[in-house]
Each structure stands twice: as C-alpha cells, then as structure tokens.
Amino acid sequence: MKRTQHKKLKVIKPLKMSQETKKQLKKLKKLSTT
C-alpha cells in the first residue's frame, strides 16, 4: 500500500507543478498585455 501511495504522490507532484506554471504564465501574459 505504501509503495503505491508513494508512486501516486510522485505522479501528482509534477501535475501540480504544471498547474502552478500555467497560472504563472497566465499572470505573466496579463502583465505583458497591460
């Protein structure tokens, strides 16, 4: 059980990172347009 949970965590982490970067990119785009 623990091993599978750890693997899931490893997969989820990059997904969260990509979401964060997307948010940052959106913010940057808004800043550049204004």
PDB file of N, CA and C in Angstrom:
ATOM      1  N   MET A   1       0.837  -1.208   0.000  1.00  0.00           N
ATOM      2  CA  MET A   1       0.000   0.000   0.000  1.00  0.00           C
ATOM      3  C   MET A   1       0.872   1.258   0.000  1.00  0.00           C
ATOM      4  N   LYS A   2       1.833   1.234   0.883  1.00  0.00           N
ATOM      5  CA  LYS A   2       2.689   2.427   0.994  1.00  0.00           C
ATOM      6  C   LYS A   2       3.410   2.697  -0.329  1.00  0.00           C
ATOM      7  N   ARG A   3       3.868   1.644  -0.949  1.00  0.00           N
ATOM      8  CA  ARG A   3       4.615   1.840  -2.200  1.00  0.00           C
ATOM      9  C   ARG A   3       3.736   2.474  -3.275  1.00  0.00           C
ATOM     10  N   THR A   4       2.526   1.967  -3.413  1.00  0.00           N
ATOM     11  CA  THR A   4       1.629   2.515  -4.442  1.00  0.00           C
ATOM     12  C   THR A   4       1.304   3.981  -4.127  1.00  0.00           C
ATOM     13  N   GLN A   5       1.098   4.283  -2.872  1.00  0.00           N
ATOM     14  CA  GLN A   5       0.800   5.671  -2.497  1.00  0.00           C
ATOM     15  C   GLN A   5       1.978   6.567  -2.870  1.00  0.00           C
ATOM     16  N   HIS A   6       3.168   6.089  -2.612  1.00  0.00           N
ATOM     17  CA  HIS A   6       4.361   6.894  -2.918  1.00  0.00           C
ATOM     18  C   HIS A   6       4.432   7.162  -4.433  1.00  0.00           C
ATOM     19  N   LYS A   7       4.169   6.129  -5.207  1.00  0.00           N
ATOM     20  CA  LYS A   7       4.205   6.296  -6.668  1.00  0.00           C
ATOM     21  C   LYS A   7       3.170   7.325  -7.101  1.00  0.00           C
ATOM     22  N   LYS A   8       1.995   7.237  -6.532  1.00  0.00           N
ATOM     23  CA  LYS A   8       0.933   8.199  -6.877  1.00  0.00           C
ATOM     24  C   LYS A   8       1.391   9.617  -6.558  1.00  0.00           C
ATOM     25  N   LEU A   9       2.011   9.777  -5.407  1.00  0.00           N
ATOM     26  CA  LEU A   9       2.488  11.100  -4.997  1.00  0.00           C
ATOM     27  C   LEU A   9       3.481  11.626  -6.023  1.00  0.00           C
ATOM     28  N   LYS A  10       4.363  10.766  -6.464  1.00  0.00           N
ATOM     29  CA  LYS A  10       5.388  11.198  -7.430  1.00  0.00           C
ATOM     30  C   LYS A  10       4.728  11.672  -8.723  1.00  0.00           C
ATOM     31  N   VAL A  11       3.642  11.017  -9.084  1.00  0.00           N
ATOM     32  CA  VAL A  11       2.946  11.390 -10.332  1.00  0.00           C
ATOM     33  C   VAL A  11       2.164  12.686 -10.142  1.00  0.00           C
ATOM     34  N   ILE A  12       1.572  12.826  -8.979  1.00  0.00           N
ATOM     35  CA  ILE A  12       0.745  14.016  -8.701  1.00  0.00           C
ATOM     36  C   ILE A  12       1.612  15.275  -8.611  1.00  0.00           C
ATOM     37  N   LYS A  13       2.784  15.153  -8.055  1.00  0.00           N
ATOM     38  CA  LYS A  13       3.644  16.340  -7.861  1.00  0.00           C
ATOM     39  C   LYS A  13       3.902  17.095  -9.164  1.00  0.00           C
ATOM     40  N   PRO A  14       4.362  16.439 -10.209  1.00  0.00           N
ATOM     41  CA  PRO A  14       4.608  17.151 -11.467  1.00  0.00           C
ATOM     42  C   PRO A  14       3.326  17.796 -12.019  1.00  0.00           C
ATOM     43  N   LEU A  15       2.202  17.119 -11.834  1.00  0.00           N
ATOM     44  CA  LEU A  15       0.933  17.673 -12.314  1.00  0.00           C
ATOM     45  C   LEU A  15       0.658  18.992 -11.613  1.00  0.00           C
ATOM     46  N   LYS A  16       0.854  19.018 -10.320  1.00  0.00           N
ATOM     47  CA  LYS A  16       0.629  20.251  -9.556  1.00  0.00           C
ATOM     48  C   LYS A  16       1.600  21.325 -10.042  1.00  0.00           C
ATOM     49  N   MET A  17       2.819  20.944 -10.288  1.00  0.00           N
ATOM     50  CA  MET A  17       3.827  21.908 -10.745  1.00  0.00           C
ATOM     51  C   MET A  17       3.392  22.527 -12.086  1.00  0.00           C
ATOM     52  N   SER A  18       2.926  21.698 -12.986  1.00  0.00           N
ATOM     53  CA  SER A  18       2.499  22.206 -14.299  1.00  0.00           C
ATOM     54  C   SER A  18       1.337  23.183 -14.122  1.00  0.00           C
ATOM     55  N   GLN A  19       0.434  22.867 -13.204  1.00  0.00           N
ATOM     56  CA  GLN A  19      -0.705  23.768 -12.947  1.00  0.00           C
ATOM     57  C   GLN A  19      -0.183  25.100 -12.428  1.00  0.00           C
ATOM     58  N   GLU A  20       0.769  25.044 -11.535  1.00  0.00           N
ATOM     59  CA  GLU A  20       1.341  26.284 -10.981  1.00  0.00           C
ATOM     60  C   GLU A  20       2.000  27.106 -12.084  1.00  0.00           C
ATOM     61  N   THR A  21       2.767  26.456 -12.922  1.00  0.00           N
ATOM     62  CA  THR A  21       3.453  27.170 -14.003  1.00  0.00           C
ATOM     63  C   THR A  21       2.437  27.778 -14.963  1.00  0.00           C
ATOM     64  N   LYS A  22       1.357  27.056 -15.217  1.00  0.00           N
ATOM     65  CA  LYS A  22       0.316  27.580 -16.118  1.00  0.00           C
ATOM     66  C   LYS A  22      -0.270  28.857 -15.517  1.00  0.00           C
ATOM     67  N   LYS A  23      -0.522  28.818 -14.221  1.00  0.00           N
ATOM     68  CA  LYS A  23      -1.080  30.002 -13.546  1.00  0.00           C
ATOM     69  C   LYS A  23      -0.098  31.160 -13.677  1.00  0.00           C
ATOM     70  N   GLN A  24       1.160  30.881 -13.467  1.00  0.00           N
ATOM     71  CA  GLN A  24       2.187  31.933 -13.550  1.00  0.00           C
ATOM     72  C   GLN A  24       2.241  32.489 -14.967  1.00  0.00           C
ATOM     73  N   LEU A  25       2.147  31.614 -15.946  1.00  0.00           N
ATOM     74  CA  LEU A  25       2.191  32.058 -17.338  1.00  0.00           C
ATOM     75  C   LEU A  25       1.014  32.971 -17.634  1.00  0.00           C
ATOM     76  N   LYS A  26      -0.146  32.604 -17.128  1.00  0.00           N
ATOM     77  CA  LYS A  26      -1.341  33.436 -17.342  1.00  0.00           C
ATOM     78  C   LYS A  26      -1.121  34.812 -16.729  1.00  0.00           C
ATOM     79  N   LYS A  27      -0.566  34.821 -15.535  1.00  0.00           N
ATOM     80  CA  LYS A  27      -0.299  36.097 -14.850  1.00  0.00           C
ATOM     81  C   LYS A  27       0.678  36.926 -15.683  1.00  0.00           C
ATOM     82  N   LEU A  28       1.699  36.282 -16.195  1.00  0.00           N
ATOM     83  CA  LEU A  28       2.699  36.994 -16.990  1.00  0.00           C
ATOM     84  C   LEU A  28       2.050  37.577 -18.243  1.00  0.00           C
ATOM     85  N   LYS A  29       1.190  36.804 -18.858  1.00  0.00           N
ATOM     86  CA  LYS A  29       0.522  37.281 -20.075  1.00  0.00           C
ATOM     87  C   LYS A  29      -0.317  38.514 -19.746  1.00  0.00           C
ATOM     88  N   LYS A  30      -1.031  38.449 -18.639  1.00  0.00           N
ATOM     89  CA  LYS A  30      -1.867  39.590 -18.239  1.00  0.00           C
ATOM     90  C   LYS A  30      -0.977  40.808 -18.008  1.00  0.00           C
ATOM     91  N   LEU A  31       0.152  40.598 -17.376  1.00  0.00           N
ATOM     92  CA  LEU A  31       1.067  41.706 -17.079  1.00  0.00           C
ATOM     93  C   LEU A  31       1.618  42.302 -18.380  1.00  0.00           C
ATOM     94  N   SER A  32       1.940  41.432 -19.300  1.00  0.00           N
ATOM     95  CA  SER A  32       2.524  41.913 -20.560  1.00  0.00           C
ATOM     96  C   SER A  32       1.495  42.688 -21.379  1.00  0.00           C
ATOM     97  N   THR A  33       0.230  42.290 -21.328  1.00  0.00           N
ATOM     98  CA  THR A  33      -0.804  42.971 -22.124  1.00  0.00           C
ATOM     99  C   THR A  33      -1.091  44.352 -21.550  1.00  0.00           C
ATOM    100  N   THR A  34      -1.047  44.472 -20.250  1.00  0.00           N
ATOM    101  CA  THR A  34      -1.371  45.774 -19.642  1.00  0.00           C
ATOM    102  C   THR A  34      -0.198  46.725 -19.783  1.00  0.00           C
TER     103      THR A  34
END
